[in-house]
Amino acid sequence: MVLKYTIIVFITQLIFIGCRTWNIIAISKKDIPSVLISGTLVHISWLVSIAIGAVSMNELLMNFEWKYVPVIIASLSGGLIGSYMSMKSKKL
């Protein structure tokens, strides 16, 4: 189960950061359809990631369940890699 959570959180963090970058660009261009689509993807990916992340943090802090550490690391690394990829994108 933890491996599944780790993969899901990593992927949703990449989606969140990538779509958030797209959303900011769409807002600056006043492209309403793109703002709505990217905003929806940002919100859904954030909800999934934060739900799993909150459960993992709770298990780690309250029950000392160290097996959830990979989920937390996946969240951090997914966000960092997503940010790096977004900044290196030629479309910016």
PDB file of N, CA and C in Angstrom:
ATOM      1  N   MET A   1       0.820  -1.197   0.000  1.00  0.00           N
ATOM      2  CA  MET A   1       0.000   0.000   0.000  1.00  0.00           C
ATOM      3  C   MET A   1       0.867   1.265   0.000  1.00  0.00           C
ATOM      4  N   VAL A   2       1.954   1.251   0.776  1.00  0.00           N
ATOM      5  CA  VAL A   2       2.817   2.421   0.861  1.00  0.00           C
ATOM      6  C   VAL A   2       3.483   2.703  -0.486  1.00  0.00           C
ATOM      7  N   LEU A   3       3.891   1.644  -1.200  1.00  0.00           N
ATOM      8  CA  LEU A   3       4.491   1.839  -2.519  1.00  0.00           C
ATOM      9  C   LEU A   3       3.489   2.496  -3.467  1.00  0.00           C
ATOM     10  N   LYS A   4       2.251   2.048  -3.420  1.00  0.00           N
ATOM     11  CA  LYS A   4       1.190   2.628  -4.254  1.00  0.00           C
ATOM     12  C   LYS A   4       0.987   4.103  -3.916  1.00  0.00           C
ATOM     13  N   TYR A   5       0.934   4.425  -2.631  1.00  0.00           N
ATOM     14  CA  TYR A   5       0.802   5.820  -2.197  1.00  0.00           C
ATOM     15  C   TYR A   5       1.992   6.662  -2.661  1.00  0.00           C
ATOM     16  N   THR A   6       3.184   6.084  -2.565  1.00  0.00           N
ATOM     17  CA  THR A   6       4.396   6.808  -2.958  1.00  0.00           C
ATOM     18  C   THR A   6       4.348   7.177  -4.433  1.00  0.00           C
ATOM     19  N   ILE A   7       3.978   6.225  -5.265  1.00  0.00           N
ATOM     20  CA  ILE A   7       3.896   6.470  -6.710  1.00  0.00           C
ATOM     21  C   ILE A   7       2.813   7.497  -7.030  1.00  0.00           C
ATOM     22  N   ILE A   8       1.664   7.354  -6.413  1.00  0.00           N
ATOM     23  CA  ILE A   8       0.556   8.291  -6.656  1.00  0.00           C
ATOM     24  C   ILE A   8       0.947   9.707  -6.254  1.00  0.00           C
ATOM     25  N   VAL A   9       1.553   9.859  -5.091  1.00  0.00           N
ATOM     26  CA  VAL A   9       1.938  11.197  -4.614  1.00  0.00           C
ATOM     27  C   VAL A   9       2.994  11.807  -5.530  1.00  0.00           C
ATOM     28  N   PHE A  10       3.972  11.024  -5.942  1.00  0.00           N
ATOM     29  CA  PHE A  10       5.006  11.541  -6.842  1.00  0.00           C
ATOM     30  C   PHE A  10       4.389  12.046  -8.148  1.00  0.00           C
ATOM     31  N   ILE A  11       3.540  11.239  -8.751  1.00  0.00           N
ATOM     32  CA  ILE A  11       2.909  11.618 -10.021  1.00  0.00           C
ATOM     33  C   ILE A  11       1.983  12.822  -9.852  1.00  0.00           C
ATOM     34  N   THR A  12       1.192  12.841  -8.780  1.00  0.00           N
ATOM     35  CA  THR A  12       0.281  13.981  -8.596  1.00  0.00           C
ATOM     36  C   THR A  12       1.042  15.273  -8.306  1.00  0.00           C
ATOM     37  N   GLN A  13       2.204  15.170  -7.688  1.00  0.00           N
ATOM     38  CA  GLN A  13       3.015  16.375  -7.476  1.00  0.00           C
ATOM     39  C   GLN A  13       3.569  16.893  -8.798  1.00  0.00           C
ATOM     40  N   LEU A  14       4.011  16.002  -9.672  1.00  0.00           N
ATOM     41  CA  LEU A  14       4.463  16.428 -11.003  1.00  0.00           C
ATOM     42  C   LEU A  14       3.322  17.090 -11.772  1.00  0.00           C
ATOM     43  N   ILE A  15       2.147  16.474 -11.730  1.00  0.00           N
ATOM     44  CA  ILE A  15       0.978  17.042 -12.413  1.00  0.00           C
ATOM     45  C   ILE A  15       0.623  18.391 -11.813  1.00  0.00           C
ATOM     46  N   PHE A  16       0.627  18.482 -10.488  1.00  0.00           N
ATOM     47  CA  PHE A  16       0.282  19.733  -9.808  1.00  0.00           C
ATOM     48  C   PHE A  16       1.204  20.868 -10.243  1.00  0.00           C
ATOM     49  N   ILE A  17       2.503  20.646 -10.165  1.00  0.00           N
ATOM     50  CA  ILE A  17       3.447  21.711 -10.498  1.00  0.00           C
ATOM     51  C   ILE A  17       3.370  22.078 -11.977  1.00  0.00           C
ATOM     52  N   GLY A  18       3.314  21.067 -12.845  1.00  0.00           N
ATOM     53  CA  GLY A  18       3.225  21.344 -14.280  1.00  0.00           C
ATOM     54  C   GLY A  18       1.965  22.103 -14.645  1.00  0.00           C
ATOM     55  N   CYS A  19       0.843  21.683 -14.108  1.00  0.00           N
ATOM     56  CA  CYS A  19      -0.423  22.356 -14.411  1.00  0.00           C
ATOM     57  C   CYS A  19      -0.503  23.732 -13.751  1.00  0.00           C
ATOM     58  N   ARG A  20       0.139  23.882 -12.600  1.00  0.00           N
ATOM     59  CA  ARG A  20       0.129  25.199 -11.934  1.00  0.00           C
ATOM     60  C   ARG A  20       0.916  26.197 -12.769  1.00  0.00           C
ATOM     61  N   THR A  21       2.032  25.756 -13.354  1.00  0.00           N
ATOM     62  CA  THR A  21       2.804  26.627 -14.245  1.00  0.00           C
ATOM     63  C   THR A  21       1.969  26.997 -15.462  1.00  0.00           C
ATOM     64  N   TRP A  22       1.300  26.005 -16.043  1.00  0.00           N
ATOM     65  CA  TRP A  22       0.423  26.242 -17.191  1.00  0.00           C
ATOM     66  C   TRP A  22      -0.685  27.221 -16.790  1.00  0.00           C
ATOM     67  N   ASN A  23      -1.233  27.038 -15.592  1.00  0.00           N
ATOM     68  CA  ASN A  23      -2.310  27.897 -15.098  1.00  0.00           C
ATOM     69  C   ASN A  23      -1.855  29.347 -14.965  1.00  0.00           C
ATOM     70  N   ILE A  24      -0.674  29.554 -14.424  1.00  0.00           N
ATOM     71  CA  ILE A  24      -0.154  30.921 -14.258  1.00  0.00           C
ATOM     72  C   ILE A  24       0.061  31.585 -15.612  1.00  0.00           C
ATOM     73  N   ILE A  25       0.615  30.841 -16.553  1.00  0.00           N
ATOM     74  CA  ILE A  25       0.821  31.383 -17.904  1.00  0.00           C
ATOM     75  C   ILE A  25      -0.518  31.705 -18.557  1.00  0.00           C
ATOM     76  N   ALA A  26      -1.499  30.816 -18.410  1.00  0.00           N
ATOM     77  CA  ALA A  26      -2.830  31.041 -18.988  1.00  0.00           C
ATOM     78  C   ALA A  26      -3.497  32.262 -18.362  1.00  0.00           C
ATOM     79  N   ILE A  27      -3.330  32.450 -17.075  1.00  0.00           N
ATOM     80  CA  ILE A  27      -3.890  33.630 -16.403  1.00  0.00           C
ATOM     81  C   ILE A  27      -3.260  34.890 -16.963  1.00  0.00           C
ATOM     82  N   SER A  28      -1.939  34.881 -17.129  1.00  0.00           N
ATOM     83  CA  SER A  28      -1.258  36.078 -17.642  1.00  0.00           C
ATOM     84  C   SER A  28      -1.672  36.403 -19.075  1.00  0.00           C
ATOM     85  N   LYS A  29      -2.062  35.369 -19.840  1.00  0.00           N
ATOM     86  CA  LYS A  29      -2.514  35.572 -21.216  1.00  0.00           C
ATOM     87  C   LYS A  29      -4.022  35.798 -21.310  1.00  0.00           C
ATOM     88  N   LYS A  30      -4.708  35.717 -20.162  1.00  0.00           N
ATOM     89  CA  LYS A  30      -6.164  35.865 -20.094  1.00  0.00           C
ATOM     90  C   LYS A  30      -6.892  34.839 -20.981  1.00  0.00           C
ATOM     91  N   ASP A  31      -6.358  33.626 -20.999  1.00  0.00           N
ATOM     92  CA  ASP A  31      -6.915  32.512 -21.780  1.00  0.00           C
ATOM     93  C   ASP A  31      -7.853  31.717 -20.865  1.00  0.00           C
ATOM     94  N   ILE A  32      -9.118  32.099 -20.869  1.00  0.00           N
ATOM     95  CA  ILE A  32     -10.090  31.534 -19.924  1.00  0.00           C
ATOM     96  C   ILE A  32     -10.246  30.015 -20.052  1.00  0.00           C
ATOM     97  N   PRO A  33     -10.396  29.445 -21.250  1.00  0.00           N
ATOM     98  CA  PRO A  33     -10.523  27.980 -21.309  1.00  0.00           C
ATOM     99  C   PRO A  33      -9.312  27.255 -20.701  1.00  0.00           C
ATOM    100  N   SER A  34      -8.115  27.725 -21.011  1.00  0.00           N
ATOM    101  CA  SER A  34      -6.914  27.107 -20.441  1.00  0.00           C
ATOM    102  C   SER A  34      -6.834  27.303 -18.932  1.00  0.00           C
ATOM    103  N   VAL A  35      -7.268  28.459 -18.458  1.00  0.00           N
ATOM    104  CA  VAL A  35      -7.280  28.711 -17.012  1.00  0.00           C
ATOM    105  C   VAL A  35      -8.210  27.722 -16.315  1.00  0.00           C
ATOM    106  N   LEU A  36      -9.375  27.498 -16.887  1.00  0.00           N
ATOM    107  CA  LEU A  36     -10.343  26.593 -16.270  1.00  0.00           C
ATOM    108  C   LEU A  36      -9.866  25.136 -16.288  1.00  0.00           C
ATOM    109  N   ILE A  37      -9.315  24.699 -17.417  1.00  0.00           N
ATOM    110  CA  ILE A  37      -8.831  23.316 -17.516  1.00  0.00           C
ATOM    111  C   ILE A  37      -7.638  23.095 -16.588  1.00  0.00           C
ATOM    112  N   SER A  38      -6.648  23.984 -16.680  1.00  0.00           N
ATOM    113  CA  SER A  38      -5.449  23.814 -15.849  1.00  0.00           C
ATOM    114  C   SER A  38      -5.779  23.977 -14.371  1.00  0.00           C
ATOM    115  N   GLY A  39      -6.689  24.880 -14.051  1.00  0.00           N
ATOM    116  CA  GLY A  39      -7.105  25.059 -12.660  1.00  0.00           C
ATOM    117  C   GLY A  39      -7.780  23.819 -12.097  1.00  0.00           C
ATOM    118  N   THR A  40      -8.582  23.167 -12.921  1.00  0.00           N
ATOM    119  CA  THR A  40      -9.235  21.923 -12.494  1.00  0.00           C
ATOM    120  C   THR A  40      -8.201  20.832 -12.222  1.00  0.00           C
ATOM    121  N   LEU A  41      -7.250  20.686 -13.128  1.00  0.00           N
ATOM    122  CA  LEU A  41      -6.200  19.683 -12.940  1.00  0.00           C
ATOM    123  C   LEU A  41      -5.335  19.989 -11.716  1.00  0.00           C
ATOM    124  N   VAL A  42      -5.048  21.261 -11.496  1.00  0.00           N
ATOM    125  CA  VAL A  42      -4.285  21.671 -10.310  1.00  0.00           C
ATOM    126  C   VAL A  42      -5.042  21.262  -9.050  1.00  0.00           C
ATOM    127  N   HIS A  43      -6.308  21.570  -9.015  1.00  0.00           N
ATOM    128  CA  HIS A  43      -7.099  21.297  -7.813  1.00  0.00           C
ATOM    129  C   HIS A  43      -7.236  19.802  -7.531  1.00  0.00           C
ATOM    130  N   ILE A  44      -7.535  19.012  -8.559  1.00  0.00           N
ATOM    131  CA  ILE A  44      -7.695  17.569  -8.369  1.00  0.00           C
ATOM    132  C   ILE A  44      -6.378  16.938  -7.920  1.00  0.00           C
ATOM    133  N   SER A  45      -5.280  17.296  -8.593  1.00  0.00           N
ATOM    134  CA  SER A  45      -3.990  16.707  -8.217  1.00  0.00           C
ATOM    135  C   SER A  45      -3.583  17.134  -6.814  1.00  0.00           C
ATOM    136  N   TRP A  46      -3.888  18.363  -6.444  1.00  0.00           N
ATOM    137  CA  TRP A  46      -3.586  18.839  -5.089  1.00  0.00           C
ATOM    138  C   TRP A  46      -4.397  18.064  -4.051  1.00  0.00           C
ATOM    139  N   LEU A  47      -5.681  17.871  -4.314  1.00  0.00           N
ATOM    140  CA  LEU A  47      -6.524  17.147  -3.360  1.00  0.00           C
ATOM    141  C   LEU A  47      -6.031  15.720  -3.121  1.00  0.00           C
ATOM    142  N   VAL A  48      -5.698  15.023  -4.202  1.00  0.00           N
ATOM    143  CA  VAL A  48      -5.225  13.641  -4.066  1.00  0.00           C
ATOM    144  C   VAL A  48      -3.912  13.612  -3.294  1.00  0.00           C
ATOM    145  N   SER A  49      -2.987  14.467  -3.694  1.00  0.00           N
ATOM    146  CA  SER A  49      -1.675  14.486  -3.061  1.00  0.00           C
ATOM    147  C   SER A  49      -1.747  14.884  -1.588  1.00  0.00           C
ATOM    148  N   ILE A  50      -2.519  15.902  -1.275  1.00  0.00           N
ATOM    149  CA  ILE A  50      -2.594  16.367   0.115  1.00  0.00           C
ATOM    150  C   ILE A  50      -3.335  15.357   0.990  1.00  0.00           C
ATOM    151  N   ALA A  51      -4.311  14.664   0.445  1.00  0.00           N
ATOM    152  CA  ALA A  51      -5.034  13.652   1.231  1.00  0.00           C
ATOM    153  C   ALA A  51      -4.097  12.512   1.631  1.00  0.00           C
ATOM    154  N   ILE A  52      -3.361  11.986   0.665  1.00  0.00           N
ATOM    155  CA  ILE A  52      -2.428  10.899   0.967  1.00  0.00           C
ATOM    156  C   ILE A  52      -1.283  11.403   1.832  1.00  0.00           C
ATOM    157  N   GLY A  53      -0.796  12.602   1.527  1.00  0.00           N
ATOM    158  CA  GLY A  53       0.290  13.181   2.317  1.00  0.00           C
ATOM    159  C   GLY A  53      -0.096  13.433   3.758  1.00  0.00           C
ATOM    160  N   ALA A  54      -1.316  13.885   3.985  1.00  0.00           N
ATOM    161  CA  ALA A  54      -1.779  14.151   5.351  1.00  0.00           C
ATOM    162  C   ALA A  54      -1.887  12.856   6.153  1.00  0.00           C
ATOM    163  N   VAL A  55      -2.405  11.813   5.524  1.00  0.00           N
ATOM    164  CA  VAL A  55      -2.488  10.513   6.203  1.00  0.00           C
ATOM    165  C   VAL A  55      -1.086  10.016   6.536  1.00  0.00           C
ATOM    166  N   SER A  56      -0.161  10.150   5.593  1.00  0.00           N
ATOM    167  CA  SER A  56       1.209   9.689   5.809  1.00  0.00           C
ATOM    168  C   SER A  56       1.893  10.469   6.929  1.00  0.00           C
ATOM    169  N   MET A  57       1.743  11.786   6.934  1.00  0.00           N
ATOM    170  CA  MET A  57       2.336  12.603   7.997  1.00  0.00           C
ATOM    171  C   MET A  57       1.726  12.261   9.346  1.00  0.00           C
ATOM    172  N   ASN A  58       0.426  12.050   9.379  1.00  0.00           N
ATOM    173  CA  ASN A  58      -0.243  11.686  10.626  1.00  0.00           C
ATOM    174  C   ASN A  58       0.282  10.355  11.153  1.00  0.00           C
ATOM    175  N   GLU A  59       0.409   9.372  10.269  1.00  0.00           N
ATOM    176  CA  GLU A  59       0.932   8.068  10.685  1.00  0.00           C
ATOM    177  C   GLU A  59       2.364   8.180  11.197  1.00  0.00           C
ATOM    178  N   LEU A  60       3.158   9.015  10.549  1.00  0.00           N
ATOM    179  CA  LEU A  60       4.542   9.187  10.978  1.00  0.00           C
ATOM    180  C   LEU A  60       4.625   9.893  12.327  1.00  0.00           C
ATOM    181  N   LEU A  61       3.892  10.971  12.486  1.00  0.00           N
ATOM    182  CA  LEU A  61       3.992  11.782  13.700  1.00  0.00           C
ATOM    183  C   LEU A  61       3.251  11.198  14.898  1.00  0.00           C
ATOM    184  N   MET A  62       2.109  10.608  14.671  1.00  0.00           N
ATOM    185  CA  MET A  62       1.302  10.123  15.788  1.00  0.00           C
ATOM    186  C   MET A  62       1.614   8.676  16.178  1.00  0.00           C
ATOM    187  N   ASN A  63       1.938   7.857  15.185  1.00  0.00           N
ATOM    188  CA  ASN A  63       2.145   6.431  15.450  1.00  0.00           C
ATOM    189  C   ASN A  63       3.573   5.964  15.170  1.00  0.00           C
ATOM    190  N   PHE A  64       4.438   6.899  14.803  1.00  0.00           N
ATOM    191  CA  PHE A  64       5.833   6.580  14.470  1.00  0.00           C
ATOM    192  C   PHE A  64       5.943   5.465  13.437  1.00  0.00           C
ATOM    193  N   GLU A  65       5.070   5.531  12.452  1.00  0.00           N
ATOM    194  CA  GLU A  65       5.075   4.567  11.348  1.00  0.00           C
ATOM    195  C   GLU A  65       6.067   5.060  10.284  1.00  0.00           C
ATOM    196  N   TRP A  66       7.317   4.647  10.425  1.00  0.00           N
ATOM    197  CA  TRP A  66       8.385   5.112   9.540  1.00  0.00           C
ATOM    198  C   TRP A  66       8.222   4.614   8.114  1.00  0.00           C
ATOM    199  N   LYS A  67       7.365   3.635   7.914  1.00  0.00           N
ATOM    200  CA  LYS A  67       7.166   3.108   6.560  1.00  0.00           C
ATOM    201  C   LYS A  67       6.549   4.142   5.626  1.00  0.00           C
ATOM    202  N   TYR A  68       6.001   5.234   6.180  1.00  0.00           N
ATOM    203  CA  TYR A  68       5.388   6.279   5.353  1.00  0.00           C
ATOM    204  C   TYR A  68       6.381   7.356   4.908  1.00  0.00           C
ATOM    205  N   VAL A  69       7.618   7.261   5.345  1.00  0.00           N
ATOM    206  CA  VAL A  69       8.638   8.238   4.947  1.00  0.00           C
ATOM    207  C   VAL A  69       8.807   8.302   3.424  1.00  0.00           C
ATOM    208  N   PRO A  70       8.797   7.181   2.692  1.00  0.00           N
ATOM    209  CA  PRO A  70       8.917   7.277   1.230  1.00  0.00           C
ATOM    210  C   PRO A  70       7.805   8.120   0.575  1.00  0.00           C
ATOM    211  N   VAL A  71       6.620   8.106   1.150  1.00  0.00           N
ATOM    212  CA  VAL A  71       5.525   8.916   0.606  1.00  0.00           C
ATOM    213  C   VAL A  71       5.867  10.405   0.758  1.00  0.00           C
ATOM    214  N   ILE A  72       6.393  10.764   1.899  1.00  0.00           N
ATOM    215  CA  ILE A  72       6.761  12.158   2.156  1.00  0.00           C
ATOM    216  C   ILE A  72       7.911  12.573   1.252  1.00  0.00           C
ATOM    217  N   ILE A  73       8.897  11.704   1.095  1.00  0.00           N
ATOM    218  CA  ILE A  73      10.021  11.992   0.199  1.00  0.00           C
ATOM    219  C   ILE A  73       9.544  12.108  -1.251  1.00  0.00           C
ATOM    220  N   ALA A  74       8.605  11.268  -1.650  1.00  0.00           N
ATOM    221  CA  ALA A  74       8.051  11.336  -3.008  1.00  0.00           C
ATOM    222  C   ALA A  74       7.327  12.651  -3.234  1.00  0.00           C
ATOM    223  N   SER A  75       6.637  13.138  -2.217  1.00  0.00           N
ATOM    224  CA  SER A  75       5.951  14.423  -2.327  1.00  0.00           C
ATOM    225  C   SER A  75       6.957  15.549  -2.525  1.00  0.00           C
ATOM    226  N   LEU A  76       7.992  15.548  -1.724  1.00  0.00           N
ATOM    227  CA  LEU A  76       9.027  16.579  -1.845  1.00  0.00           C
ATOM    228  C   LEU A  76       9.758  16.496  -3.181  1.00  0.00           C
ATOM    229  N   SER A  77      10.176  15.289  -3.547  1.00  0.00           N
ATOM    230  CA  SER A  77      10.932  15.149  -4.790  1.00  0.00           C
ATOM    231  C   SER A  77      10.061  15.396  -6.017  1.00  0.00           C
ATOM    232  N   GLY A  78       8.805  14.972  -5.986  1.00  0.00           N
ATOM    233  CA  GLY A  78       7.904  15.254  -7.104  1.00  0.00           C
ATOM    234  C   GLY A  78       7.692  16.746  -7.301  1.00  0.00           C
ATOM    235  N   GLY A  79       7.534  17.456  -6.199  1.00  0.00           N
ATOM    236  CA  GLY A  79       7.378  18.908  -6.277  1.00  0.00           C
ATOM    237  C   GLY A  79       8.629  19.593  -6.779  1.00  0.00           C
ATOM    238  N   LEU A  80       9.798  19.163  -6.289  1.00  0.00           N
ATOM    239  CA  LEU A  80      11.060  19.775  -6.715  1.00  0.00           C
ATOM    240  C   LEU A  80      11.370  19.477  -8.173  1.00  0.00           C
ATOM    241  N   ILE A  81      11.200  18.226  -8.581  1.00  0.00           N
ATOM    242  CA  ILE A  81      11.456  17.864  -9.983  1.00  0.00           C
ATOM    243  C   ILE A  81      10.461  18.559 -10.903  1.00  0.00           C
ATOM    244  N   GLY A  82       9.204  18.619 -10.490  1.00  0.00           N
ATOM    245  CA  GLY A  82       8.203  19.328 -11.284  1.00  0.00           C
ATOM    246  C   GLY A  82       8.533  20.805 -11.438  1.00  0.00           C
ATOM    247  N   SER A  83       8.996  21.428 -10.383  1.00  0.00           N
ATOM    248  CA  SER A  83       9.395  22.843 -10.444  1.00  0.00           C
ATOM    249  C   SER A  83      10.571  23.030 -11.390  1.00  0.00           C
ATOM    250  N   TYR A  84      11.557  22.153 -11.266  1.00  0.00           N
ATOM    251  CA  TYR A  84      12.739  22.231 -12.138  1.00  0.00           C
ATOM    252  C   TYR A  84      12.327  22.057 -13.593  1.00  0.00           C
ATOM    253  N   MET A  85      11.500  21.060 -13.876  1.00  0.00           N
ATOM    254  CA  MET A  85      11.063  20.815 -15.255  1.00  0.00           C
ATOM    255  C   MET A  85      10.265  21.996 -15.793  1.00  0.00           C
ATOM    256  N   SER A  86       9.435  22.585 -14.965  1.00  0.00           N
ATOM    257  CA  SER A  86       8.634  23.729 -15.397  1.00  0.00           C
ATOM    258  C   SER A  86       9.514  24.930 -15.705  1.00  0.00           C
ATOM    259  N   MET A  87      10.530  25.146 -14.885  1.00  0.00           N
ATOM    260  CA  MET A  87      11.425  26.279 -15.113  1.00  0.00           C
ATOM    261  C   MET A  87      12.314  26.070 -16.351  1.00  0.00           C
ATOM    262  N   LYS A  88      12.644  24.829 -16.656  1.00  0.00           N
ATOM    263  CA  LYS A  88      13.501  24.521 -17.813  1.00  0.00           C
ATOM    264  C   LYS A  88      12.701  24.414 -19.104  1.00  0.00           C
ATOM    265  N   SER A  89      11.388  24.445 -19.013  1.00  0.00           N
ATOM    266  CA  SER A  89      10.542  24.307 -20.195  1.00  0.00           C
ATOM    267  C   SER A  89      10.796  25.453 -21.174  1.00  0.00           C
ATOM    268  N   LYS A  90      10.929  25.107 -22.442  1.00  0.00           N
ATOM    269  CA  LYS A  90      11.168  26.119 -23.485  1.00  0.00           C
ATOM    270  C   LYS A  90       9.935  26.976 -23.729  1.00  0.00           C
ATOM    271  N   LYS A  91       8.765  26.531 -23.264  1.00  0.00           N
ATOM    272  CA  LYS A  91       7.523  27.252 -23.517  1.00  0.00           C
ATOM    273  C   LYS A  91       7.373  28.487 -22.642  1.00  0.00           C
ATOM    274  N   LEU A  92       8.187  28.609 -21.595  1.00  0.00           N
ATOM    275  CA  LEU A  92       8.062  29.763 -20.691  1.00  0.00           C
ATOM    276  C   LEU A  92       8.529  31.000 -21.314  1.00  0.00           C
TER     277      LEU A  92
END
